[in-house]
Amino acid sequence: MFLVAALNQDVQTFDNMVAALHFHMYQPVVLANSGEFGGSTAQVPLPKHERLVAHIHGNNQVAVSVFELDPAPFKSTKPARAPKQLKTAPAGYKGRP
């Protein structure tokens, strides 16, 4: 994951750079800009409707975005393994100590 802490006034240019970087670097890119200027964003190289994780514009405002990004799919070229489905637990089963 590429994380940038910024104090950047040129919000539009950096938005465009993050949009390009997450594809060129093939990893999540998070730009956390000062609330004085706005323009914080988090993007990942996923299909179009899933790539924008967070995007805040506007200046002189305080905004907090809370999100989770899993970098694991971008660490390996192996296809992701689907988790195994477990059968239903027996009645009264509370797990093992």
Protein backbone atom coordinates (compact mmCIF):
# COMPACT_ATOMS: atom_id res chain seq x y z
CA MET A 1 0.00 0.00 0.00
CA PHE A 2 1.31 3.44 -0.90
CA LEU A 3 0.36 6.10 1.66
CA VAL A 4 0.99 9.82 1.13
CA ALA A 5 0.57 12.41 3.87
CA ALA A 6 0.26 15.74 2.06
CA LEU A 7 0.00 19.46 2.60
CA ASN A 8 -1.01 20.09 -0.99
CA GLN A 9 -2.90 23.04 -2.50
CA ASP A 10 -3.13 21.57 -6.03
CA VAL A 11 -5.94 19.11 -5.29
CA GLN A 12 -6.94 18.35 -8.90
CA THR A 13 -3.41 17.41 -10.00
CA PHE A 14 -2.93 15.05 -7.05
CA ASP A 15 -6.37 13.47 -7.61
CA ASN A 16 -5.28 12.66 -11.16
CA MET A 17 -1.94 11.30 -9.96
CA VAL A 18 -3.61 8.94 -7.46
CA ALA A 19 -6.00 7.75 -10.18
CA ALA A 20 -2.99 6.85 -12.34
CA LEU A 21 -0.71 5.54 -9.60
CA HIS A 22 -3.02 2.86 -8.24
CA PHE A 23 -3.00 1.21 -11.69
CA HIS A 24 0.68 1.75 -12.53
CA MET A 25 1.88 0.56 -9.14
CA TYR A 26 -0.89 -2.09 -8.89
CA GLN A 27 -1.53 -1.45 -5.23
CA PRO A 28 -3.85 0.62 -3.06
CA VAL A 29 -2.93 4.32 -2.91
CA VAL A 30 -4.11 6.60 -0.10
CA LEU A 31 -3.57 10.36 -0.19
CA ALA A 32 -4.34 12.08 3.12
CA ASN A 33 -4.29 15.83 2.52
CA SER A 34 -4.64 18.65 5.02
CA GLY A 35 -8.20 19.73 5.83
CA GLU A 36 -7.05 23.23 4.96
CA PHE A 37 -7.00 22.25 1.27
CA GLY A 38 -9.15 19.07 1.11
CA GLY A 39 -8.66 16.49 -1.60
CA SER A 40 -8.04 13.28 0.35
CA THR A 41 -8.67 10.04 -1.52
CA ALA A 42 -8.13 6.27 -1.35
CA GLN A 43 -8.22 4.17 -4.54
CA VAL A 44 -7.43 0.55 -5.41
CA PRO A 45 -6.94 -1.20 -8.78
CA LEU A 46 -10.30 -2.97 -8.88
CA PRO A 47 -13.19 -2.87 -11.36
CA LYS A 48 -14.63 0.59 -12.02
CA HIS A 49 -17.43 0.59 -9.44
CA GLU A 50 -15.12 -0.70 -6.65
CA ARG A 51 -11.93 1.32 -7.17
CA LEU A 52 -12.88 4.49 -5.28
CA VAL A 53 -12.77 3.70 -1.56
CA ALA A 54 -12.93 7.25 -0.15
CA HIS A 55 -12.88 10.72 -1.65
CA ILE A 56 -13.23 14.01 0.23
CA HIS A 57 -13.17 17.42 -1.42
CA GLY A 58 -13.65 20.89 -0.09
CA ASN A 59 -11.39 23.09 1.96
CA ASN A 60 -11.31 24.43 5.50
CA GLN A 61 -13.24 21.47 6.86
CA VAL A 62 -12.46 18.55 9.09
CA ALA A 63 -13.36 15.14 7.70
CA VAL A 64 -12.53 11.64 8.89
CA SER A 65 -12.87 8.60 6.65
CA VAL A 66 -12.72 5.17 8.24
CA PHE A 67 -12.27 2.22 5.91
CA GLU A 68 -10.48 -1.11 5.61
CA LEU A 69 -8.20 -2.05 2.74
CA ASP A 70 -6.90 -5.59 2.33
CA PRO A 71 -3.51 -5.45 0.57
CA ALA A 72 -3.29 -9.27 0.36
CA PRO A 73 -4.73 -9.60 -3.17
CA PHE A 74 -1.93 -7.36 -4.49
CA LYS A 75 0.93 -9.25 -2.81
CA SER A 76 0.85 -12.36 -4.97
CA THR A 77 0.23 -13.33 -8.57
CA LYS A 78 -1.44 -16.57 -7.47
CA PRO A 79 -5.23 -16.66 -7.84
CA ALA A 80 -7.07 -15.94 -4.60
CA ARG A 81 -8.32 -18.99 -2.77
CA ALA A 82 -11.93 -18.98 -1.72
CA PRO A 83 -12.41 -19.77 1.98
CA LYS A 84 -13.74 -23.26 2.66
CA GLN A 85 -17.40 -23.49 3.50
CA LEU A 86 -18.06 -25.30 6.75
CA LYS A 87 -21.04 -27.47 7.41
CA THR A 88 -23.54 -26.39 10.02
CA ALA A 89 -22.37 -27.05 13.58
CA PRO A 90 -24.24 -29.66 15.62
CA ALA A 91 -26.98 -28.47 17.99
CA GLY A 92 -25.51 -27.19 21.25
CA TYR A 93 -21.95 -26.97 19.89
CA LYS A 94 -20.08 -24.14 21.64
CA GLY A 95 -16.66 -24.61 20.13
CA ARG A 96 -13.47 -26.14 21.49
CA PRO A 97 -11.65 -24.67 24.49
